[in-house]
Amino acid sequence: MKGKAKKKAPEIILRNGKPSAVILDIEDYREMLERLEDLEDLEMLKEMRKRPLKFKKLEDFLKEYHPSV
């Protein structure tokens, strides 16, 4: 059984004495991207819930539905 590798702290790159970039562990980076995507999805859902719901009868939907397969 393999032990979990110790996470590395982010490394901050300075340019002219000011932070300009960060080097992250790839897993930390992927986790950040996943969380950002989740936040974007939640924001989109919040906006969608502000709009009124529109329903179609199943028969009407099936008349318009033409699968390309």
N, C-alpha and C. Protein backbone atom coordinates (compact mmCIF):
# COMPACT_ATOMS: atom_id res chain seq x y z
N MET A 1 0.84 -1.18 0.00
CA MET A 1 0.00 0.00 0.00
C MET A 1 0.88 1.24 0.00
N LYS A 2 0.63 2.12 -0.93
CA LYS A 2 1.43 3.33 -1.05
C LYS A 2 0.90 4.41 -0.11
N GLY A 3 1.83 5.16 0.50
CA GLY A 3 1.43 6.29 1.34
C GLY A 3 1.16 7.51 0.48
N LYS A 4 0.36 8.41 1.00
CA LYS A 4 0.05 9.62 0.25
C LYS A 4 1.25 10.56 0.28
N ALA A 5 1.64 11.06 -0.87
CA ALA A 5 2.79 11.95 -0.96
C ALA A 5 2.49 13.26 -0.26
N LYS A 6 3.51 13.81 0.37
CA LYS A 6 3.36 15.09 1.06
C LYS A 6 3.17 16.19 0.03
N LYS A 7 2.17 17.04 0.25
CA LYS A 7 1.90 18.13 -0.70
C LYS A 7 2.97 19.20 -0.59
N LYS A 8 3.35 19.70 -1.74
CA LYS A 8 4.31 20.80 -1.77
C LYS A 8 3.58 22.12 -1.64
N ALA A 9 4.20 23.03 -0.96
CA ALA A 9 3.64 24.37 -0.85
C ALA A 9 3.83 25.09 -2.19
N PRO A 10 2.90 25.95 -2.58
CA PRO A 10 3.08 26.71 -3.82
C PRO A 10 4.34 27.56 -3.76
N GLU A 11 5.00 27.69 -4.89
CA GLU A 11 6.19 28.54 -4.98
C GLU A 11 5.81 29.82 -5.71
N ILE A 12 6.14 30.95 -5.11
CA ILE A 12 5.81 32.25 -5.70
C ILE A 12 7.05 32.77 -6.42
N ILE A 13 6.86 33.15 -7.67
CA ILE A 13 7.94 33.70 -8.49
C ILE A 13 7.85 35.22 -8.44
N LEU A 14 8.96 35.84 -8.15
CA LEU A 14 9.00 37.31 -8.06
C LEU A 14 9.65 37.89 -9.31
N ARG A 15 9.14 39.03 -9.72
CA ARG A 15 9.73 39.81 -10.81
C ARG A 15 9.81 41.24 -10.30
N ASN A 16 11.00 41.77 -10.26
CA ASN A 16 11.24 43.10 -9.71
C ASN A 16 10.72 43.21 -8.29
N GLY A 17 10.88 42.13 -7.52
CA GLY A 17 10.49 42.13 -6.12
C GLY A 17 8.99 41.97 -5.87
N LYS A 18 8.21 41.78 -6.94
CA LYS A 18 6.76 41.64 -6.80
C LYS A 18 6.32 40.26 -7.30
N PRO A 19 5.32 39.65 -6.64
CA PRO A 19 4.83 38.35 -7.11
C PRO A 19 4.29 38.45 -8.53
N SER A 20 4.72 37.52 -9.39
CA SER A 20 4.27 37.55 -10.79
C SER A 20 3.74 36.20 -11.28
N ALA A 21 4.05 35.12 -10.56
CA ALA A 21 3.60 33.79 -10.97
C ALA A 21 3.65 32.85 -9.78
N VAL A 22 2.95 31.71 -9.92
CA VAL A 22 2.94 30.70 -8.87
C VAL A 22 3.14 29.34 -9.51
N ILE A 23 3.97 28.53 -8.89
CA ILE A 23 4.15 27.14 -9.31
C ILE A 23 3.40 26.28 -8.30
N LEU A 24 2.42 25.50 -8.82
CA LEU A 24 1.58 24.65 -7.97
C LEU A 24 1.80 23.19 -8.29
N ASP A 25 1.53 22.35 -7.31
CA ASP A 25 1.46 20.92 -7.54
C ASP A 25 0.32 20.67 -8.53
N ILE A 26 0.51 19.77 -9.47
CA ILE A 26 -0.49 19.54 -10.53
C ILE A 26 -1.84 19.13 -9.96
N GLU A 27 -1.86 18.35 -8.88
CA GLU A 27 -3.13 17.95 -8.28
C GLU A 27 -3.85 19.15 -7.65
N ASP A 28 -3.10 20.05 -7.04
CA ASP A 28 -3.70 21.27 -6.49
C ASP A 28 -4.30 22.11 -7.61
N TYR A 29 -3.59 22.19 -8.73
CA TYR A 29 -4.08 22.95 -9.89
C TYR A 29 -5.37 22.34 -10.43
N ARG A 30 -5.39 21.03 -10.58
CA ARG A 30 -6.60 20.36 -11.08
C ARG A 30 -7.78 20.56 -10.13
N GLU A 31 -7.51 20.49 -8.84
CA GLU A 31 -8.57 20.71 -7.85
C GLU A 31 -9.12 22.14 -7.93
N MET A 32 -8.22 23.10 -8.13
CA MET A 32 -8.66 24.50 -8.29
C MET A 32 -9.55 24.65 -9.52
N LEU A 33 -9.16 24.03 -10.63
CA LEU A 33 -9.97 24.10 -11.85
C LEU A 33 -11.34 23.47 -11.63
N GLU A 34 -11.38 22.35 -10.95
CA GLU A 34 -12.65 21.67 -10.67
C GLU A 34 -13.56 22.55 -9.82
N ARG A 35 -12.99 23.16 -8.79
CA ARG A 35 -13.79 24.04 -7.93
C ARG A 35 -14.30 25.26 -8.70
N LEU A 36 -13.46 25.80 -9.56
CA LEU A 36 -13.88 26.94 -10.37
C LEU A 36 -15.03 26.55 -11.30
N GLU A 37 -14.93 25.38 -11.92
CA GLU A 37 -16.00 24.90 -12.79
C GLU A 37 -17.29 24.71 -12.00
N ASP A 38 -17.17 24.17 -10.79
CA ASP A 38 -18.36 23.99 -9.94
C ASP A 38 -19.01 25.34 -9.62
N LEU A 39 -18.20 26.34 -9.30
CA LEU A 39 -18.73 27.67 -9.01
C LEU A 39 -19.42 28.28 -10.22
N GLU A 40 -18.83 28.09 -11.39
CA GLU A 40 -19.44 28.61 -12.62
C GLU A 40 -20.77 27.90 -12.89
N ASP A 41 -20.82 26.59 -12.65
CA ASP A 41 -22.07 25.84 -12.84
C ASP A 41 -23.15 26.33 -11.88
N LEU A 42 -22.78 26.57 -10.63
CA LEU A 42 -23.74 27.06 -9.65
C LEU A 42 -24.26 28.44 -10.01
N GLU A 43 -23.39 29.30 -10.52
CA GLU A 43 -23.81 30.64 -10.94
C GLU A 43 -24.78 30.55 -12.12
N MET A 44 -24.49 29.66 -13.08
CA MET A 44 -25.37 29.48 -14.22
C MET A 44 -26.73 28.95 -13.76
N LEU A 45 -26.72 28.01 -12.83
CA LEU A 45 -27.97 27.47 -12.30
C LEU A 45 -28.78 28.55 -11.60
N LYS A 46 -28.11 29.41 -10.84
CA LYS A 46 -28.79 30.51 -10.16
C LYS A 46 -29.48 31.43 -11.17
N GLU A 47 -28.79 31.73 -12.27
CA GLU A 47 -29.38 32.58 -13.32
C GLU A 47 -30.55 31.88 -14.00
N MET A 48 -30.41 30.58 -14.25
CA MET A 48 -31.49 29.83 -14.90
C MET A 48 -32.74 29.79 -14.04
N ARG A 49 -32.56 29.73 -12.73
CA ARG A 49 -33.71 29.66 -11.82
C ARG A 49 -34.49 30.97 -11.77
N LYS A 50 -33.89 32.05 -12.22
CA LYS A 50 -34.58 33.34 -12.24
C LYS A 50 -35.60 33.41 -13.37
N ARG A 51 -35.39 32.61 -14.41
CA ARG A 51 -36.28 32.62 -15.57
C ARG A 51 -37.50 31.73 -15.30
N PRO A 52 -38.64 32.09 -15.89
CA PRO A 52 -39.81 31.24 -15.71
C PRO A 52 -39.62 29.91 -16.44
N LEU A 53 -40.21 28.87 -15.87
CA LEU A 53 -40.14 27.54 -16.49
C LEU A 53 -41.11 27.47 -17.66
N LYS A 54 -40.66 26.83 -18.73
CA LYS A 54 -41.52 26.62 -19.89
C LYS A 54 -41.60 25.12 -20.15
N PHE A 55 -42.80 24.62 -20.24
CA PHE A 55 -43.00 23.19 -20.46
C PHE A 55 -43.66 22.96 -21.82
N LYS A 56 -43.34 21.79 -22.39
CA LYS A 56 -43.96 21.36 -23.64
C LYS A 56 -44.63 20.02 -23.38
N LYS A 57 -45.69 19.80 -24.08
CA LYS A 57 -46.31 18.48 -24.01
C LYS A 57 -45.38 17.50 -24.71
N LEU A 58 -45.36 16.27 -24.22
CA LEU A 58 -44.50 15.24 -24.79
C LEU A 58 -44.80 15.03 -26.27
N GLU A 59 -46.06 15.04 -26.63
CA GLU A 59 -46.45 14.83 -28.02
C GLU A 59 -45.86 15.93 -28.92
N ASP A 60 -45.92 17.18 -28.46
CA ASP A 60 -45.36 18.29 -29.24
C ASP A 60 -43.84 18.15 -29.39
N PHE A 61 -43.18 17.78 -28.30
CA PHE A 61 -41.74 17.59 -28.35
C PHE A 61 -41.37 16.50 -29.35
N LEU A 62 -42.08 15.39 -29.31
CA LEU A 62 -41.77 14.27 -30.20
C LEU A 62 -42.01 14.63 -31.66
N LYS A 63 -42.98 15.49 -31.93
CA LYS A 63 -43.22 15.93 -33.32
C LYS A 63 -42.05 16.74 -33.84
N GLU A 64 -41.42 17.54 -32.96
CA GLU A 64 -40.31 18.40 -33.37
C GLU A 64 -38.95 17.69 -33.30
N TYR A 65 -38.88 16.62 -32.56
CA TYR A 65 -37.60 15.94 -32.30
C TYR A 65 -37.22 15.06 -33.48
N HIS A 66 -36.05 15.34 -34.02
CA HIS A 66 -35.54 14.56 -35.16
C HIS A 66 -34.08 14.18 -34.86
N PRO A 67 -33.86 13.04 -34.25
CA PRO A 67 -32.45 12.65 -33.95
C PRO A 67 -31.66 12.45 -35.24
N SER A 68 -30.41 12.81 -35.18
CA SER A 68 -29.55 12.69 -36.37
C SER A 68 -28.95 11.30 -36.52
N VAL A 69 -29.29 10.40 -35.64
CA VAL A 69 -28.70 9.05 -35.68
C VAL A 69 -29.54 8.14 -36.54
